């Protein structure tokens, strides 16, 4: 081989060695349903789907979906088929923001992970749930309420009647007490009771009769 050809072959070999080898890229998340930052109706959402650039392994696949109250919105385990991973969600999602965190094993055997979020509207809030759970009024409940209202309406009248009866019953006693008080006042103002005055009067009459009898005897015995 001539020196010229040998030099050309050497330069070609050096060029091949100097060329960079293509780097093997890991798989990545290419899309999701719902999308990152999307707002969806609660009735239209029953599962979460994530699509990757290459096939992913079932082993090591994991996902979490956190609801607005910090609880889990997952139902069951994730399912992997080819480049997609699907995760069922609970029924009756509440309004608010949801946070998604995922982790899978890519086609080249390396684990990859990421996060995104979405919002739900049109779901049941706590006030609506409490209203739905409240028992409907029954006939017995309505009758009991009507009886209580009737008793409440009759209470003032019964109270007035009771007050009038109490006043009527207490009036004779008050009159009797007033009469006894008047008699006692009369006796106190005269100084002596009536029977004492009667005895005094009888004694005075007896003394007067004795004096008259003594005077008559004295006249008869005089010359």
C-alpha atoms as a PDB file:
ATOM      1  CA  UNK A   1       0.000   0.000   0.000  1.00  0.00           C
ATOM      2  CA  UNK A   2       1.388   3.338  -0.962  1.00  0.00           C
ATOM      3  CA  UNK A   3       2.008   5.921   1.701  1.00  0.00           C
ATOM      4  CA  UNK A   4      -0.785   8.056   0.271  1.00  0.00           C
ATOM      5  CA  UNK A   5      -3.399   5.306   0.566  1.00  0.00           C
ATOM      6  CA  UNK A   6      -2.149   4.387   4.002  1.00  0.00           C
ATOM      7  CA  UNK A   7      -2.590   7.962   5.177  1.00  0.00           C
ATOM      8  CA  UNK A   8      -6.113   8.127   3.736  1.00  0.00           C
ATOM      9  CA  UNK A   9      -7.142   4.923   5.494  1.00  0.00           C
ATOM     10  CA  UNK A  10      -5.759   6.186   8.785  1.00  0.00           C
ATOM     11  CA  UNK A  11      -7.631   9.453   8.476  1.00  0.00           C
ATOM     12  CA  UNK A  12     -10.873   7.578   7.755  1.00  0.00           C
ATOM     13  CA  UNK A  13     -10.410   5.390  10.832  1.00  0.00           C
ATOM     14  CA  UNK A  14      -9.733   8.406  13.002  1.00  0.00           C
ATOM     15  CA  UNK A  15     -12.851  10.087  11.655  1.00  0.00           C
ATOM     16  CA  UNK A  16     -14.997   7.074  12.549  1.00  0.00           C
ATOM     17  CA  UNK A  17     -13.588   6.994  16.060  1.00  0.00           C
ATOM     18  CA  UNK A  18     -14.086  10.719  16.490  1.00  0.00           C
ATOM     19  CA  UNK A  19     -17.776  10.622  15.502  1.00  0.00           C
ATOM     20  CA  UNK A  20     -20.013  10.726  18.683  1.00  0.00           C
ATOM     21  CA  UNK A  21     -22.121   7.646  19.299  1.00  0.00           C
ATOM     22  CA  UNK A  22     -25.875   8.373  19.555  1.00  0.00           C
ATOM     23  CA  UNK A  23     -26.948   8.544  23.248  1.00  0.00           C
ATOM     24  CA  UNK A  24     -29.683   6.138  24.292  1.00  0.00           C
ATOM     25  CA  UNK A  25     -32.562   8.327  25.645  1.00  0.00           C
ATOM     26  CA  UNK A  26     -34.883   7.231  28.465  1.00  0.00           C
ATOM     27  CA  UNK A  27     -38.612   7.049  27.904  1.00  0.00           C
ATOM     28  CA  UNK A  28     -40.725   9.987  29.031  1.00  0.00           C
ATOM     29  CA  UNK A  29     -44.342  10.951  29.626  1.00  0.00           C
ATOM     30  CA  UNK A  30     -45.798  12.277  26.391  1.00  0.00           C
ATOM     31  CA  UNK A  31     -49.401  12.904  27.452  1.00  0.00           C
ATOM     32  CA  UNK A  32     -52.133  12.316  30.024  1.00  0.00           C
ATOM     33  CA  UNK A  33     -55.906  12.357  30.348  1.00  0.00           C
ATOM     34  CA  UNK A  34     -56.767  14.644  32.042  1.00  0.00           C
ATOM     35  CA  UNK A  35     -53.905  16.857  30.912  1.00  0.00           C
ATOM     36  CA  UNK A  36     -51.691  18.792  33.267  1.00  0.00           C
ATOM     37  CA  UNK A  37     -53.607  21.902  34.463  1.00  0.00           C
ATOM     38  CA  UNK A  38     -56.906  20.833  32.870  1.00  0.00           C
ATOM     39  CA  UNK A  39     -60.335  21.311  34.500  1.00  0.00           C
ATOM     40  CA  UNK A  40     -62.801  18.482  33.988  1.00  0.00           C
ATOM     41  CA  UNK A  41     -66.372  17.692  35.001  1.00  0.00           C
ATOM     42  CA  UNK A  42     -66.688  15.182  37.836  1.00  0.00           C
ATOM     43  CA  UNK A  43     -69.163  13.059  35.891  1.00  0.00           C
ATOM     44  CA  UNK A  44     -66.774  12.761  32.926  1.00  0.00           C
ATOM     45  CA  UNK A  45     -63.817  11.447  34.923  1.00  0.00           C
ATOM     46  CA  UNK A  46     -63.576   7.891  36.211  1.00  0.00           C
ATOM     47  CA  UNK A  47     -59.958   6.998  35.369  1.00  0.00           C
ATOM     48  CA  UNK A  48     -56.536   8.532  34.786  1.00  0.00           C
ATOM     49  CA  UNK A  49     -54.499   7.586  31.679  1.00  0.00           C
ATOM     50  CA  UNK A  50     -50.794   8.330  31.060  1.00  0.00           C
ATOM     51  CA  UNK A  51     -48.967   7.747  27.768  1.00  0.00           C
ATOM     52  CA  UNK A  52     -45.181   7.281  27.480  1.00  0.00           C
ATOM     53  CA  UNK A  53     -42.726   7.446  24.589  1.00  0.00           C
ATOM     54  CA  UNK A  54     -41.856   3.749  24.900  1.00  0.00           C
ATOM     55  CA  UNK A  55     -43.180   0.579  26.410  1.00  0.00           C
ATOM     56  CA  UNK A  56     -43.039   0.472  30.206  1.00  0.00           C
ATOM     57  CA  UNK A  57     -42.893  -2.444  32.607  1.00  0.00           C
ATOM     58  CA  UNK A  58     -45.752  -3.524  34.849  1.00  0.00           C
ATOM     59  CA  UNK A  59     -43.297  -4.164  37.663  1.00  0.00           C
ATOM     60  CA  UNK A  60     -42.572  -1.000  39.608  1.00  0.00           C
ATOM     61  CA  UNK A  61     -45.467   1.011  38.139  1.00  0.00           C
ATOM     62  CA  UNK A  62     -47.045   3.234  40.752  1.00  0.00           C
ATOM     63  CA  UNK A  63     -49.261   6.322  40.851  1.00  0.00           C
ATOM     64  CA  UNK A  64     -50.896   8.454  43.564  1.00  0.00           C
ATOM     65  CA  UNK A  65     -53.793  10.896  43.150  1.00  0.00           C
ATOM     66  CA  UNK A  66     -54.386  13.207  46.127  1.00  0.00           C
ATOM     67  CA  UNK A  67     -57.801  14.878  46.502  1.00  0.00           C
ATOM     68  CA  UNK A  68     -58.418  18.445  47.832  1.00  0.00           C
ATOM     69  CA  UNK A  69     -58.733  17.151  51.422  1.00  0.00           C
ATOM     70  CA  UNK A  70     -55.397  15.324  51.273  1.00  0.00           C
ATOM     71  CA  UNK A  71     -56.922  11.865  50.879  1.00  0.00           C
ATOM     72  CA  UNK A  72     -56.469   9.316  48.117  1.00  0.00           C
ATOM     73  CA  UNK A  73     -58.721   9.303  45.039  1.00  0.00           C
ATOM     74  CA  UNK A  74     -57.468   5.919  43.796  1.00  0.00           C
ATOM     75  CA  UNK A  75     -59.572   2.835  43.152  1.00  0.00           C
ATOM     76  CA  UNK A  76     -57.533  -0.348  42.807  1.00  0.00           C
ATOM     77  CA  UNK A  77     -54.065  -0.751  41.241  1.00  0.00           C
ATOM     78  CA  UNK A  78     -52.638   0.774  38.033  1.00  0.00           C
ATOM     79  CA  UNK A  79     -52.685  -1.309  34.823  1.00  0.00           C
ATOM     80  CA  UNK A  80     -49.886  -1.142  32.214  1.00  0.00           C
ATOM     81  CA  UNK A  81     -50.344  -2.070  28.550  1.00  0.00           C
ATOM     82  CA  UNK A  82     -47.634  -1.144  26.083  1.00  0.00           C
ATOM     83  CA  UNK A  83     -46.954   2.553  26.357  1.00  0.00           C
ATOM     84  CA  UNK A  84     -49.997   3.378  28.503  1.00  0.00           C
ATOM     85  CA  UNK A  85     -50.695   3.186  32.229  1.00  0.00           C
ATOM     86  CA  UNK A  86     -54.315   3.444  33.450  1.00  0.00           C
ATOM     87  CA  UNK A  87     -55.491   4.103  37.002  1.00  0.00           C
ATOM     88  CA  UNK A  88     -59.150   3.906  38.133  1.00  0.00           C
ATOM     89  CA  UNK A  89     -60.483   6.752  40.322  1.00  0.00           C
ATOM     90  CA  UNK A  90     -63.159   6.771  43.013  1.00  0.00           C
ATOM     91  CA  UNK A  91     -66.746   7.740  42.223  1.00  0.00           C
ATOM     92  CA  UNK A  92     -68.263  11.124  43.156  1.00  0.00           C
ATOM     93  CA  UNK A  93     -65.074  13.190  42.984  1.00  0.00           C
ATOM     94  CA  UNK A  94     -65.349  16.415  44.986  1.00  0.00           C
ATOM     95  CA  UNK A  95     -64.663  19.873  43.581  1.00  0.00           C
ATOM     96  CA  UNK A  96     -61.083  21.077  43.857  1.00  0.00           C
ATOM     97  CA  UNK A  97     -57.480  20.507  42.796  1.00  0.00           C
ATOM     98  CA  UNK A  98     -55.910  17.047  42.468  1.00  0.00           C
ATOM     99  CA  UNK A  99     -52.182  16.238  42.529  1.00  0.00           C
ATOM    100  CA  UNK A 100     -50.774  13.271  40.563  1.00  0.00           C
ATOM    101  CA  UNK A 101     -47.377  11.628  41.190  1.00  0.00           C
ATOM    102  CA  UNK A 102     -46.206   8.684  39.063  1.00  0.00           C
ATOM    103  CA  UNK A 103     -43.251   6.313  38.772  1.00  0.00           C
ATOM    104  CA  UNK A 104     -42.591   3.642  36.111  1.00  0.00           C
ATOM    105  CA  UNK A 105     -39.720   1.589  34.676  1.00  0.00           C
ATOM    106  CA  UNK A 106     -38.852   2.645  31.131  1.00  0.00           C
ATOM    107  CA  UNK A 107     -38.009   0.341  28.224  1.00  0.00           C
ATOM    108  CA  UNK A 108     -34.272   0.587  28.881  1.00  0.00           C
ATOM    109  CA  UNK A 109     -34.750  -0.568  32.489  1.00  0.00           C
ATOM    110  CA  UNK A 110     -34.305   2.814  34.145  1.00  0.00           C
ATOM    111  CA  UNK A 111     -37.003   4.152  36.523  1.00  0.00           C
ATOM    112  CA  UNK A 112     -38.559   7.480  35.651  1.00  0.00           C
ATOM    113  CA  UNK A 113     -41.047   9.614  37.630  1.00  0.00           C
ATOM    114  CA  UNK A 114     -42.905  12.892  37.527  1.00  0.00           C
ATOM    115  CA  UNK A 115     -45.830  14.966  38.767  1.00  0.00           C
ATOM    116  CA  UNK A 116     -48.729  16.967  37.349  1.00  0.00           C
ATOM    117  CA  UNK A 117     -52.169  18.173  38.430  1.00  0.00           C
ATOM    118  CA  UNK A 118     -55.734  18.819  37.330  1.00  0.00           C
ATOM    119  CA  UNK A 119     -58.964  20.275  38.741  1.00  0.00           C
ATOM    120  CA  UNK A 120     -62.483  18.874  39.098  1.00  0.00           C
ATOM    121  CA  UNK A 121     -65.699  20.858  38.978  1.00  0.00           C
ATOM    122  CA  UNK A 122     -69.347  19.885  39.282  1.00  0.00           C
ATOM    123  CA  UNK A 123     -68.705  17.404  42.073  1.00  0.00           C
ATOM    124  CA  UNK A 124     -70.618  17.054  45.332  1.00  0.00           C
ATOM    125  CA  UNK A 125     -69.422  19.254  48.173  1.00  0.00           C
ATOM    126  CA  UNK A 126     -69.920  18.479  51.883  1.00  0.00           C
ATOM    127  CA  UNK A 127     -73.055  20.639  52.242  1.00  0.00           C
ATOM    128  CA  UNK A 128     -74.801  18.811  49.370  1.00  0.00           C
ATOM    129  CA  UNK A 129     -73.791  15.456  50.826  1.00  0.00           C
ATOM    130  CA  UNK A 130     -75.216  16.390  54.252  1.00  0.00           C
ATOM    131  CA  UNK A 131     -78.472  17.521  52.607  1.00  0.00           C
ATOM    132  CA  UNK A 132     -78.711  14.287  50.656  1.00  0.00           C
ATOM    133  CA  UNK A 133     -78.090  12.218  53.783  1.00  0.00           C
ATOM    134  CA  UNK A 134     -80.683  14.087  55.876  1.00  0.00           C
ATOM    135  CA  UNK A 135     -83.824  11.911  56.375  1.00  0.00           C
ATOM    136  CA  UNK A 136     -87.033  13.069  54.736  1.00  0.00           C
ATOM    137  CA  UNK A 137     -89.834  14.084  57.126  1.00  0.00           C
ATOM    138  CA  UNK A 138     -92.369  11.319  57.808  1.00  0.00           C
ATOM    139  CA  UNK A 139     -96.057  11.553  58.681  1.00  0.00           C
ATOM    140  CA  UNK A 140     -95.309  10.782  62.333  1.00  0.00           C
ATOM    141  CA  UNK A 141     -92.720  13.581  62.463  1.00  0.00           C
ATOM    142  CA  UNK A 142     -95.156  16.072  60.936  1.00  0.00           C
ATOM    143  CA  UNK A 143     -97.924  15.028  63.385  1.00  0.00           C
ATOM    144  CA  UNK A 144     -95.549  15.413  66.340  1.00  0.00           C
ATOM    145  CA  UNK A 145     -94.534  18.863  65.122  1.00  0.00           C
ATOM    146  CA  UNK A 146     -98.192  19.873  64.747  1.00  0.00           C
ATOM    147  CA  UNK A 147     -98.982  18.685  68.296  1.00  0.00           C
ATOM    148  CA  UNK A 148     -96.073  20.641  69.726  1.00  0.00           C
ATOM    149  CA  UNK A 149     -97.179  23.790  67.910  1.00  0.00           C
ATOM    150  CA  UNK A 150    -100.753  23.341  69.205  1.00  0.00           C
ATOM    151  CA  UNK A 151     -99.512  22.931  72.771  1.00  0.00           C
ATOM    152  CA  UNK A 152     -97.324  25.986  72.410  1.00  0.00           C
ATOM    153  CA  UNK A 153    -100.315  28.025  71.157  1.00  0.00           C
ATOM    154  CA  UNK A 154    -102.563  26.852  74.035  1.00  0.00           C
ATOM    155  CA  UNK A 155    -100.008  27.485  76.752  1.00  0.00           C
ATOM    156  CA  UNK A 156    -100.657  31.265  77.187  1.00  0.00           C
ATOM    157  CA  UNK A 157    -104.440  30.723  77.556  1.00  0.00           C
ATOM    158  CA  UNK A 158    -104.005  27.969  80.118  1.00  0.00           C
ATOM    159  CA  UNK A 159    -101.593  30.157  82.044  1.00  0.00           C
ATOM    160  CA  UNK A 160    -104.094  33.028  82.147  1.00  0.00           C
ATOM    161  CA  UNK A 161    -106.879  30.706  83.376  1.00  0.00           C
ATOM    162  CA  UNK A 162    -104.633  29.336  86.102  1.00  0.00           C
ATOM    163  CA  UNK A 163    -103.744  32.862  87.213  1.00  0.00           C
ATOM    164  CA  UNK A 164    -107.446  33.847  87.403  1.00  0.00           C
ATOM    165  CA  UNK A 165    -108.307  30.749  89.482  1.00  0.00           C
ATOM    166  CA  UNK A 166    -105.458  31.483  91.839  1.00  0.00           C
ATOM    167  CA  UNK A 167    -106.686  35.081  92.269  1.00  0.00           C
ATOM    168  CA  UNK A 168    -110.266  33.963  92.973  1.00  0.00           C
ATOM    169  CA  UNK A 169    -109.164  31.382  95.513  1.00  0.00           C
ATOM    170  CA  UNK A 170    -106.928  33.831  97.321  1.00  0.00           C
ATOM    171  CA  UNK A 171    -109.553  36.649  97.489  1.00  0.00           C
ATOM    172  CA  UNK A 172    -111.837  35.153 100.292  1.00  0.00           C
ATOM    173  CA  UNK A 173    -108.815  34.403 102.393  1.00  0.00           C
ATOM    174  CA  UNK A 174    -107.653  37.963 102.021  1.00  0.00           C
ATOM    175  CA  UNK A 175    -111.145  39.256 102.963  1.00  0.00           C
ATOM    176  CA  UNK A 176    -111.263  36.980 106.025  1.00  0.00           C
ATOM    177  CA  UNK A 177    -107.857  38.099 107.104  1.00  0.00           C
ATOM    178  CA  UNK A 178    -108.907  41.737 106.663  1.00  0.00           C
ATOM    179  CA  UNK A 179    -112.024  41.137 108.846  1.00  0.00           C
ATOM    180  CA  UNK A 180    -110.014  39.494 111.608  1.00  0.00           C
ATOM    181  CA  UNK A 181    -107.550  42.329 111.464  1.00  0.00           C
ATOM    182  CA  UNK A 182    -110.396  44.875 111.829  1.00  0.00           C
ATOM    183  CA  UNK A 183    -111.852  43.030 114.882  1.00  0.00           C
ATOM    184  CA  UNK A 184    -108.476  42.854 116.492  1.00  0.00           C
ATOM    185  CA  UNK A 185    -107.949  46.565 115.874  1.00  0.00           C
ATOM    186  CA  UNK A 186    -111.349  47.378 117.448  1.00  0.00           C
ATOM    187  CA  UNK A 187    -110.592  45.311 120.552  1.00  0.00           C
ATOM    188  CA  UNK A 188    -107.182  46.911 120.939  1.00  0.00           C
ATOM    189  CA  UNK A 189    -108.597  50.460 120.596  1.00  0.00           C
ATOM    190  CA  UNK A 190    -111.318  49.890 123.321  1.00  0.00           C
ATOM    191  CA  UNK A 191    -108.835  48.544 125.843  1.00  0.00           C
ATOM    192  CA  UNK A 192    -111.175  45.712 127.137  1.00  0.00           C
ATOM    193  CA  UNK A 193    -113.061  42.968 125.409  1.00  0.00           C
ATOM    194  CA  UNK A 194    -116.880  43.000 125.291  1.00  0.00           C
ATOM    195  CA  UNK A 195    -117.367  40.335 127.974  1.00  0.00           C
ATOM    196  CA  UNK A 196    -115.347  42.441 130.447  1.00  0.00           C
ATOM    197  CA  UNK A 197    -117.636  45.395 129.888  1.00  0.00           C
ATOM    198  CA  UNK A 198    -120.666  43.161 130.518  1.00  0.00           C
ATOM    199  CA  UNK A 199    -119.268  42.004 133.864  1.00  0.00           C
ATOM    200  CA  UNK A 200    -118.481  45.552 134.905  1.00  0.00           C
ATOM    201  CA  UNK A 201    -121.996  46.670 134.068  1.00  0.00           C
ATOM    202  CA  UNK A 202    -123.515  43.767 136.050  1.00  0.00           C
ATOM    203  CA  UNK A 203    -121.298  44.585 139.042  1.00  0.00           C
ATOM    204  CA  UNK A 204    -122.334  48.224 138.936  1.00  0.00           C
ATOM    205  CA  UNK A 205    -126.009  47.309 138.877  1.00  0.00           C
ATOM    206  CA  UNK A 206    -125.513  44.995 141.877  1.00  0.00           C
ATOM    207  CA  UNK A 207    -123.730  47.686 143.877  1.00  0.00           C
ATOM    208  CA  UNK A 208    -126.442  50.197 143.085  1.00  0.00           C
ATOM    209  CA  UNK A 209    -129.165  47.751 144.133  1.00  0.00           C
ATOM    210  CA  UNK A 210    -127.332  47.087 147.420  1.00  0.00           C
ATOM    211  CA  UNK A 211    -127.077  50.807 148.116  1.00  0.00           C
ATOM    212  CA  UNK A 212    -130.797  51.298 147.455  1.00  0.00           C
ATOM    213  CA  UNK A 213    -131.713  48.403 149.765  1.00  0.00           C
ATOM    214  CA  UNK A 214    -129.462  49.765 152.546  1.00  0.00           C
ATOM    215  CA  UNK A 215    -130.994  53.220 152.235  1.00  0.00           C
ATOM    216  CA  UNK A 216    -134.547  51.855 152.445  1.00  0.00           C
ATOM    217  CA  UNK A 217    -133.742  49.850 155.575  1.00  0.00           C
ATOM    218  CA  UNK A 218    -132.267  52.957 157.146  1.00  0.00           C
ATOM    219  CA  UNK A 219    -135.449  54.919 156.553  1.00  0.00           C
ATOM    220  CA  UNK A 220    -137.626  52.188 158.004  1.00  0.00           C
ATOM    221  CA  UNK A 221    -135.584  51.953 161.139  1.00  0.00           C
ATOM    222  CA  UNK A 222    -135.612  55.697 161.758  1.00  0.00           C
ATOM    223  CA  UNK A 223    -138.279  57.005 164.422  1.00  0.00           C
END
